[in-house]
Amino acid sequence: MSLKHRVSQQLSDLLAYVLIPLIAVVTPGSFSRWLLRRVSAWRWFLSGSAEQALAGAARHDRVGNQDEWLRDWKRVELLDFRDLYMMLFWRGRTVLSEIDCSQPIGDVRGLPMVGMHWGPGISVLRYLDAAGLQPAFPYRPPEGELLRSRPFYYLASHLAERYLAKTLGQGAVPVGGAGKVVSGLLAGKGSICVLMDAPPMSGRGTEQRTVLGRPARFNTGFPDLLAESGKDYFLWAMNLSEDGSLRKQLELSGPNRGGSREDFLDHFAEFLDLHLHGRSWHWRIWHAEGQLWH
């Protein structure tokens, strides 16, 4: 990596993950969304991460206008971290007011919510908490090596971990030996959120399903626990509004009848495939697509 590229990446990270979110904390929500729309059009801004994501998407689906795809990917990234800072620094009410939900959020009470690394979704946990739904969330802590290569991004990732602890308390569950905890959460009255598209962890059971015309591999741990619980479930996705306002639309699909692991994975893979077709800039982990598709 050239010196020029490293400097550009660090400057982009400083703006995207520290300065712009801090500006959002002290300005009206409408202004911060306007600012995000403007800076997302800068070609050099977050170019390394955005172009890596575009290259991953292009290996699986048509991306259409590449400039628009890069802009929209940046908007998702920027809005998620803007929302994070605002929720941590006493502006959570503004963030929640920008969410439109496809059906009454109370419908998910006590039921698992299964999603993917999709859109500016970090606010969904605060949204559930504000509705009194006792959310829980298994998550992977940020990797320590990021501190050396991308310190500003690491800082923001560490703040995301603090947000989880602050919002969820004991409902924030680090992955790795969390099966018993997740099983207990499924038996409780809260709404547990799970992201089923995470690349499989080494040594864990997996099954393949077709997504975008190629076999993708999914963890079977949670589907097994869900089948054992006998609970119905919702699928969900946090989408950017189509009017360019950077408001968010929480899409709920369900309740879906709980059943076998196989039926659940069929349903989730279909849901992921449907969303990736034509809206692939929403997917947050294109950098890891080689771990999901084999």
Protein backbone atom coordinates (compact mmCIF):
# COMPACT_ATOMS: atom_id res chain seq x y z
CA MET A 1 0.00 0.00 0.00
CA SER A 2 1.46 3.36 -1.05
CA LEU A 3 2.01 6.22 1.39
CA LYS A 4 -0.61 8.27 -0.48
CA HIS A 5 -3.17 5.49 -0.12
CA ARG A 6 -2.43 5.03 3.60
CA VAL A 7 -2.78 8.75 4.25
CA SER A 8 -6.08 8.84 2.31
CA GLN A 9 -7.42 5.86 4.27
CA GLN A 10 -6.52 7.34 7.66
CA LEU A 11 -8.02 10.71 6.71
CA SER A 12 -11.19 9.02 5.47
CA ASP A 13 -11.42 7.00 8.68
CA LEU A 14 -10.88 10.08 10.84
CA LEU A 15 -13.71 11.88 9.06
CA ALA A 16 -16.11 8.93 8.77
CA TYR A 17 -15.68 7.36 12.19
CA VAL A 18 -14.82 10.32 14.44
CA LEU A 19 -15.31 13.87 13.13
CA ILE A 20 -18.52 13.57 11.08
CA PRO A 21 -20.32 11.56 13.79
CA LEU A 22 -19.24 14.14 16.39
CA ILE A 23 -20.60 16.94 14.19
CA ALA A 24 -23.87 15.01 14.02
CA VAL A 25 -24.09 14.93 17.80
CA VAL A 26 -24.21 18.75 18.03
CA THR A 27 -26.27 19.59 14.93
CA PRO A 28 -29.90 18.96 13.89
CA GLY A 29 -30.59 15.51 12.47
CA SER A 30 -31.66 16.94 9.10
CA PHE A 31 -28.33 18.78 8.76
CA SER A 32 -26.24 15.72 9.57
CA ARG A 33 -28.15 13.66 7.00
CA TRP A 34 -27.55 16.42 4.43
CA LEU A 35 -23.84 16.37 5.31
CA LEU A 36 -23.69 12.61 4.81
CA ARG A 37 -25.33 12.93 1.40
CA ARG A 38 -22.71 15.48 0.36
CA VAL A 39 -19.55 13.71 1.54
CA SER A 40 -20.70 10.31 0.22
CA ALA A 41 -20.31 11.74 -3.30
CA TRP A 42 -16.57 12.45 -2.80
CA ARG A 43 -14.78 9.87 -4.91
CA TRP A 44 -11.65 9.69 -2.74
CA PHE A 45 -13.58 9.41 0.52
CA LEU A 46 -13.57 5.85 1.93
CA SER A 47 -12.48 4.78 -1.53
CA GLY A 48 -10.46 1.74 -0.41
CA SER A 49 -13.25 0.13 1.61
CA ALA A 50 -15.98 1.12 -0.85
CA GLU A 51 -14.15 -0.21 -3.91
CA GLN A 52 -13.30 -3.44 -2.08
CA ALA A 53 -17.00 -3.88 -1.35
CA LEU A 54 -17.91 -3.08 -4.97
CA ALA A 55 -15.43 -5.65 -6.26
CA GLY A 56 -16.96 -8.30 -3.99
CA ALA A 57 -20.49 -7.46 -5.08
CA ALA A 58 -19.53 -7.47 -8.77
CA ARG A 59 -18.32 -11.07 -8.44
CA HIS A 60 -21.86 -12.17 -7.59
CA ASP A 61 -24.37 -9.74 -9.09
CA ARG A 62 -24.75 -6.87 -11.51
CA VAL A 63 -24.09 -3.60 -9.70
CA GLY A 64 -25.42 -1.17 -12.32
CA ASN A 65 -24.02 2.36 -12.13
CA GLN A 66 -20.80 1.99 -10.16
CA ASP A 67 -20.64 5.61 -9.00
CA GLU A 68 -24.15 5.39 -7.57
CA TRP A 69 -23.35 2.02 -5.95
CA LEU A 70 -20.24 3.47 -4.24
CA ARG A 71 -22.18 6.53 -3.09
CA ASP A 72 -24.99 4.44 -1.62
CA TRP A 73 -22.57 2.06 0.10
CA LYS A 74 -20.88 5.05 1.75
CA ARG A 75 -24.24 6.43 2.85
CA VAL A 76 -25.06 3.20 4.66
CA GLU A 77 -21.65 3.12 6.34
CA LEU A 78 -21.73 6.77 7.39
CA LEU A 79 -25.31 6.67 8.66
CA ASP A 80 -24.69 3.63 10.84
CA PHE A 81 -21.79 5.26 12.67
CA ARG A 82 -23.54 8.63 12.83
CA ASP A 83 -26.44 6.86 14.54
CA LEU A 84 -24.03 5.11 16.92
CA TYR A 85 -22.54 8.35 18.19
CA MET A 86 -25.92 10.03 18.50
CA MET A 87 -27.32 7.14 20.54
CA LEU A 88 -24.29 7.15 22.83
CA PHE A 89 -24.35 10.91 23.33
CA TRP A 90 -27.98 11.56 24.27
CA ARG A 91 -29.44 12.00 20.77
CA GLY A 92 -31.12 8.61 20.57
CA ARG A 93 -34.61 10.10 20.30
CA THR A 94 -33.64 11.80 17.03
CA VAL A 95 -32.30 8.54 15.59
CA LEU A 96 -35.44 6.61 16.53
CA SER A 97 -37.68 9.29 15.03
CA GLU A 98 -36.03 8.61 11.65
CA ILE A 99 -37.15 4.95 11.56
CA ASP A 100 -40.34 3.91 9.76
CA CYS A 101 -41.47 0.36 10.54
CA SER A 102 -43.39 -1.87 8.14
CA GLN A 103 -45.67 -3.19 10.91
CA PRO A 104 -46.23 -2.60 14.63
CA ILE A 105 -42.99 -3.33 16.47
CA GLY A 106 -44.96 -4.92 19.29
CA ASP A 107 -45.66 -7.87 16.98
CA VAL A 108 -42.15 -9.19 17.60
CA ARG A 109 -42.51 -9.27 21.39
CA GLY A 110 -40.91 -12.42 22.77
CA LEU A 111 -39.95 -13.72 19.33
CA PRO A 112 -36.49 -14.05 17.75
CA MET A 113 -35.58 -11.54 15.03
CA VAL A 114 -33.28 -12.96 12.37
CA GLY A 115 -31.42 -10.58 10.10
CA MET A 116 -28.19 -10.01 8.24
CA HIS A 117 -25.37 -7.48 8.10
CA TRP A 118 -27.65 -5.14 6.23
CA GLY A 119 -28.07 -1.38 6.06
CA PRO A 120 -27.70 1.07 8.96
CA GLY A 121 -29.03 -1.50 11.39
CA ILE A 122 -27.30 -0.64 14.65
CA SER A 123 -30.28 1.46 15.78
CA VAL A 124 -32.67 -1.50 15.77
CA LEU A 125 -31.56 -2.59 19.25
CA ARG A 126 -32.29 0.83 20.72
CA TYR A 127 -35.60 0.82 18.85
CA LEU A 128 -36.55 -2.52 20.45
CA ASP A 129 -35.36 -1.39 23.86
CA ALA A 130 -37.43 1.82 23.66
CA ALA A 131 -40.48 -0.35 22.90
CA GLY A 132 -39.85 -2.42 26.04
CA LEU A 133 -39.05 -5.62 24.13
CA GLN A 134 -35.93 -6.62 26.14
CA PRO A 135 -33.62 -7.18 23.15
CA ALA A 136 -30.52 -9.36 23.20
CA PHE A 137 -27.76 -9.72 20.63
CA PRO A 138 -24.85 -12.15 20.14
CA TYR A 139 -21.88 -10.24 18.67
CA ARG A 140 -18.22 -10.56 17.75
CA PRO A 141 -15.91 -8.11 19.60
CA PRO A 142 -13.66 -5.93 17.41
CA GLU A 143 -10.36 -7.49 16.41
CA GLY A 144 -7.37 -6.02 18.26
CA GLU A 145 -5.21 -5.91 15.13
CA LEU A 146 -7.45 -3.13 13.79
CA LEU A 147 -5.90 -0.82 16.37
CA ARG A 148 -2.60 -0.89 14.48
CA SER A 149 -3.90 -0.65 10.93
CA ARG A 150 -7.05 1.47 11.30
CA PRO A 151 -7.09 3.11 14.75
CA PHE A 152 -10.06 5.43 14.07
CA TYR A 153 -12.18 2.56 12.80
CA TYR A 154 -11.13 0.51 15.82
CA LEU A 155 -12.22 3.35 18.11
CA ALA A 156 -15.66 3.45 16.52
CA SER A 157 -15.95 -0.36 16.72
CA HIS A 158 -15.04 -0.21 20.41
CA LEU A 159 -17.74 2.44 20.92
CA ALA A 160 -20.21 0.09 19.23
CA GLU A 161 -19.33 -2.55 21.83
CA ARG A 162 -19.96 0.02 24.59
CA TYR A 163 -23.30 0.87 23.00
CA LEU A 164 -24.31 -2.80 23.10
CA ALA A 165 -23.41 -3.08 26.77
CA LYS A 166 -25.19 0.17 27.62
CA THR A 167 -28.35 -0.70 25.68
CA LEU A 168 -28.63 -4.42 26.34
CA GLY A 169 -26.80 -5.10 29.60
CA GLN A 170 -26.53 -8.87 29.98
CA GLY A 171 -28.32 -9.23 26.67
CA ALA A 172 -25.07 -8.32 24.89
CA VAL A 173 -23.49 -11.75 24.38
CA PRO A 174 -19.98 -12.16 22.86
CA VAL A 175 -19.91 -15.14 20.48
CA GLY A 176 -17.75 -18.13 21.28
CA GLY A 177 -19.23 -20.57 23.77
CA ALA A 178 -22.44 -18.56 23.83
CA GLY A 179 -24.75 -21.42 22.89
CA LYS A 180 -26.07 -22.00 26.42
CA VAL A 181 -26.63 -18.28 26.90
CA VAL A 182 -28.48 -17.96 23.58
CA SER A 183 -30.58 -21.01 24.45
CA GLY A 184 -31.56 -19.33 27.71
CA LEU A 185 -32.40 -16.11 25.89
CA LEU A 186 -34.65 -18.01 23.49
CA ALA A 187 -36.49 -19.44 26.46
CA GLY A 188 -37.03 -15.96 27.92
CA LYS A 189 -39.54 -13.22 27.19
CA GLY A 190 -37.22 -10.89 25.29
CA SER A 191 -36.62 -10.48 21.55
CA ILE A 192 -33.22 -11.84 20.58
CA CYS A 193 -31.63 -10.48 17.37
CA VAL A 194 -29.34 -12.76 15.37
CA LEU A 195 -27.39 -12.08 12.16
CA MET A 196 -27.42 -15.33 10.22
CA ASP A 197 -25.09 -14.31 7.37
CA ALA A 198 -21.94 -14.10 9.52
CA PRO A 199 -19.11 -16.17 8.00
CA PRO A 200 -19.03 -19.58 9.73
CA MET A 201 -16.61 -19.95 12.63
CA SER A 202 -13.99 -22.69 12.36
CA GLY A 203 -15.08 -26.04 13.73
CA ARG A 204 -18.79 -25.19 13.83
CA GLY A 205 -21.52 -27.09 12.01
CA THR A 206 -22.65 -25.60 8.68
CA GLU A 207 -25.06 -26.22 5.83
CA GLN A 208 -25.06 -24.89 2.27
CA ARG A 209 -27.83 -22.98 0.55
CA THR A 210 -27.86 -21.22 -2.82
CA VAL A 211 -27.58 -17.42 -2.73
CA LEU A 212 -27.06 -15.37 -5.91
CA GLY A 213 -26.69 -18.60 -7.84
CA ARG A 214 -23.78 -19.98 -5.81
CA PRO A 215 -23.53 -22.21 -2.72
CA ALA A 216 -23.18 -20.23 0.50
CA ARG A 217 -22.38 -21.74 3.88
CA PHE A 218 -24.35 -20.90 7.05
CA ASN A 219 -23.86 -21.77 10.70
CA THR A 220 -26.34 -24.32 12.02
CA GLY A 221 -25.97 -23.57 15.74
CA PHE A 222 -28.74 -20.99 16.03
CA PRO A 223 -31.13 -22.78 13.63
CA ASP A 224 -30.82 -25.90 15.80
CA LEU A 225 -31.54 -23.92 18.97
CA LEU A 226 -34.49 -22.20 17.31
CA ALA A 227 -35.95 -25.53 16.16
CA GLU A 228 -35.58 -26.92 19.70
CA SER A 229 -37.32 -23.87 21.17
CA GLY A 230 -40.36 -24.31 18.92
CA LYS A 231 -40.73 -20.53 18.64
CA ASP A 232 -41.95 -18.62 15.63
CA TYR A 233 -39.62 -15.92 14.33
CA PHE A 234 -39.39 -12.73 12.29
CA LEU A 235 -36.97 -11.85 9.51
CA TRP A 236 -35.89 -8.22 9.47
CA ALA A 237 -33.81 -5.75 7.48
CA MET A 238 -33.01 -2.07 7.98
CA ASN A 239 -33.21 -0.38 4.58
CA LEU A 240 -32.34 3.12 3.46
CA SER A 241 -35.45 4.99 2.35
CA GLU A 242 -35.74 5.23 -1.41
CA ASP A 243 -36.34 9.00 -1.44
CA GLY A 244 -32.70 9.86 -0.69
CA SER A 245 -33.54 11.45 2.67
CA LEU A 246 -31.41 8.92 4.62
CA ARG A 247 -34.34 7.98 6.78
CA LYS A 248 -34.50 4.28 7.63
CA GLN A 249 -37.19 1.69 6.97
CA LEU A 250 -37.32 -1.29 9.33
CA GLU A 251 -38.74 -4.17 7.30
CA LEU A 252 -40.33 -6.97 9.30
CA SER A 253 -41.38 -10.26 7.70
CA GLY A 254 -43.40 -12.60 9.86
CA PRO A 255 -44.26 -14.15 12.11
CA ASN A 256 -42.90 -17.25 10.43
CA ARG A 257 -43.67 -20.67 11.80
CA GLY A 258 -40.74 -22.26 13.59
CA GLY A 259 -39.87 -25.71 12.35
CA SER A 260 -36.87 -27.69 11.25
CA ARG A 261 -33.37 -26.37 10.72
CA GLU A 262 -33.67 -27.13 7.03
CA ASP A 263 -36.86 -25.13 6.56
CA PHE A 264 -35.45 -22.18 8.47
CA LEU A 265 -32.24 -22.08 6.40
CA ASP A 266 -34.23 -22.34 3.16
CA HIS A 267 -36.32 -19.36 4.23
CA PHE A 268 -33.39 -17.23 5.37
CA ALA A 269 -31.32 -17.93 2.25
CA GLU A 270 -34.29 -16.89 0.09
CA PHE A 271 -34.64 -13.68 2.14
CA LEU A 272 -30.93 -12.85 1.78
CA ASP A 273 -30.95 -13.63 -1.94
CA LEU A 274 -33.99 -11.44 -2.54
CA HIS A 275 -32.38 -8.45 -0.82
CA LEU A 276 -28.98 -8.80 -2.42
CA HIS A 277 -30.50 -8.69 -5.91
CA GLY A 278 -30.55 -5.04 -6.88
CA ARG A 279 -29.78 -3.56 -3.43
CA SER A 280 -26.39 -5.07 -2.74
CA TRP A 281 -24.87 -1.82 -1.44
CA HIS A 282 -26.80 -2.42 1.78
CA TRP A 283 -24.73 -5.52 2.63
CA ARG A 284 -22.04 -4.60 5.14
CA ILE A 285 -19.62 -7.52 4.79
CA TRP A 286 -18.69 -7.72 1.11
CA HIS A 287 -15.06 -7.69 2.29
CA ALA A 288 -15.70 -11.17 3.73
CA GLU A 289 -17.78 -12.61 0.88
CA GLY A 290 -15.13 -15.25 0.16
CA GLN A 291 -15.82 -16.77 3.58
CA LEU A 292 -19.54 -17.16 2.95
CA TRP A 293 -19.43 -18.37 -0.66
CA HIS A 294 -17.10 -21.24 -1.52
